[in-house]
Amino acid sequence: MKKLIIAASATMTLAFVVPASADAEEVDVDEYCGVIHGLATTVMTKRQKGIAVTKLMAIAEGKPMVGNIIMAAYRQHRFMATTYQQGAIDDFANDTYLECMREMGK
């Protein structure tokens, strides 16, 4: 199975695996959505640390899925307390994973 690896800049490393084929039967859905979960975790962590959305969107140029995850993360509230930040990160990553699984038919 062909995969396209998209890497981001040195300030934020995003390894995002996109199936070359739209055929969901050829994709390991658990692995694919696991990668999406990791991406969502990274993006929301940056959001909770106060990194400007413009910096992340510059990295996402030409990568619509990455851009959509960034925009969804920045629609969420930013917390100051570490406990709340971690909760927001975990919730966002889990919700994104579940949405991926739903979209992939699982």
Protein backbone atom coordinates (compact mmCIF):
# COMPACT_ATOMS: atom_id res chain seq x y z
CA MET A 1 0.00 0.00 0.00
CA LYS A 2 1.34 3.39 -1.00
CA LYS A 3 1.52 6.07 1.65
CA LEU A 4 2.41 9.70 1.44
CA ILE A 5 4.39 11.10 4.34
CA ILE A 6 3.95 14.79 5.01
CA ALA A 7 6.50 16.37 7.32
CA ALA A 8 6.24 19.78 8.90
CA SER A 9 8.87 22.33 9.83
CA ALA A 10 11.46 21.96 12.59
CA THR A 11 9.29 23.90 15.03
CA MET A 12 6.56 21.29 14.87
CA THR A 13 7.03 17.77 13.63
CA LEU A 14 3.90 16.25 12.22
CA ALA A 15 4.16 12.82 10.66
CA PHE A 16 0.88 12.45 8.87
CA VAL A 17 0.16 9.33 6.87
CA VAL A 18 -2.40 9.76 4.13
CA PRO A 19 -3.59 6.74 2.17
CA ALA A 20 -2.75 7.14 -1.50
CA SER A 21 -5.92 5.23 -2.33
CA ALA A 22 -9.41 6.25 -1.28
CA ASP A 23 -10.29 2.55 -0.93
CA ALA A 24 -10.90 2.12 2.82
CA GLU A 25 -10.47 -1.65 2.50
CA GLU A 26 -6.75 -1.18 1.79
CA VAL A 27 -6.17 1.06 4.79
CA ASP A 28 -5.39 -0.18 8.30
CA VAL A 29 -8.05 1.98 9.91
CA ASP A 30 -6.75 1.55 13.45
CA GLU A 31 -3.24 2.61 12.40
CA TYR A 32 -4.51 5.49 10.24
CA CYS A 33 -6.79 6.87 12.95
CA GLY A 34 -3.99 6.37 15.48
CA VAL A 35 -1.84 8.70 13.40
CA ILE A 36 -4.72 11.20 13.29
CA HIS A 37 -4.96 10.93 17.10
CA GLY A 38 -1.25 11.75 17.39
CA LEU A 39 -1.62 14.70 15.05
CA ALA A 40 -4.59 16.02 17.03
CA THR A 41 -2.61 15.64 20.27
CA THR A 42 0.31 17.61 18.85
CA VAL A 43 -1.88 20.38 17.43
CA MET A 44 -3.92 20.81 20.62
CA THR A 45 -0.75 20.80 22.72
CA LYS A 46 0.56 23.69 20.59
CA ARG A 47 -2.80 25.44 20.95
CA GLN A 48 -2.75 25.07 24.75
CA LYS A 49 0.82 26.43 24.86
CA GLY A 50 -0.31 29.57 23.05
CA ILE A 51 1.43 29.03 19.71
CA ALA A 52 -0.13 31.33 17.10
CA VAL A 53 -2.58 29.68 14.74
CA THR A 54 -0.87 31.41 11.81
CA LYS A 55 2.34 29.47 12.48
CA LEU A 56 0.53 26.16 12.39
CA MET A 57 -1.57 27.07 9.35
CA ALA A 58 1.61 27.97 7.45
CA ILE A 59 2.80 24.41 8.07
CA ALA A 60 -0.53 23.00 6.89
CA GLU A 61 -0.46 24.76 3.54
CA GLY A 62 -1.56 22.30 0.87
CA LYS A 63 -2.59 19.72 3.49
CA PRO A 64 -6.36 20.14 3.99
CA MET A 65 -6.72 17.42 6.64
CA VAL A 66 -4.00 19.02 8.77
CA GLY A 67 -5.57 22.44 8.29
CA ASN A 68 -8.98 21.13 9.36
CA ILE A 69 -7.55 19.66 12.55
CA ILE A 70 -5.70 22.91 13.31
CA MET A 71 -8.84 24.99 12.79
CA ALA A 72 -10.89 22.63 14.99
CA ALA A 73 -8.28 22.84 17.77
CA TYR A 74 -8.17 26.62 17.68
CA ARG A 75 -11.97 26.79 18.01
CA GLN A 76 -11.52 25.21 21.45
CA HIS A 77 -10.88 27.15 24.63
CA ARG A 78 -7.30 27.68 25.81
CA PHE A 79 -6.74 26.94 29.49
CA MET A 80 -4.12 28.33 31.84
CA ALA A 81 -4.09 25.50 34.41
CA THR A 82 -1.98 22.50 33.37
CA THR A 83 -4.63 20.03 34.52
CA TYR A 84 -7.29 21.64 32.32
CA GLN A 85 -4.86 21.92 29.42
CA GLN A 86 -4.11 18.19 29.55
CA GLY A 87 -7.83 17.42 29.74
CA ALA A 88 -8.49 19.57 26.67
CA ILE A 89 -5.63 17.86 24.78
CA ASP A 90 -6.86 14.37 25.67
CA ASP A 91 -10.50 15.15 24.89
CA PHE A 92 -9.67 16.75 21.54
CA ALA A 93 -7.41 13.88 20.46
CA ASN A 94 -9.98 11.27 21.52
CA ASP A 95 -12.85 13.07 19.79
CA THR A 96 -10.77 13.40 16.62
CA TYR A 97 -9.91 9.68 16.76
CA LEU A 98 -13.56 8.72 17.17
CA GLU A 99 -14.56 10.97 14.26
CA CYS A 100 -11.87 9.35 12.11
CA MET A 101 -13.12 5.87 13.01
CA ARG A 102 -16.69 6.91 12.18
CA GLU A 103 -15.62 8.40 8.84
CA MET A 104 -13.69 5.24 8.00
CA GLY A 105 -16.75 3.12 8.68
CA LYS A 106 -15.82 1.55 11.99
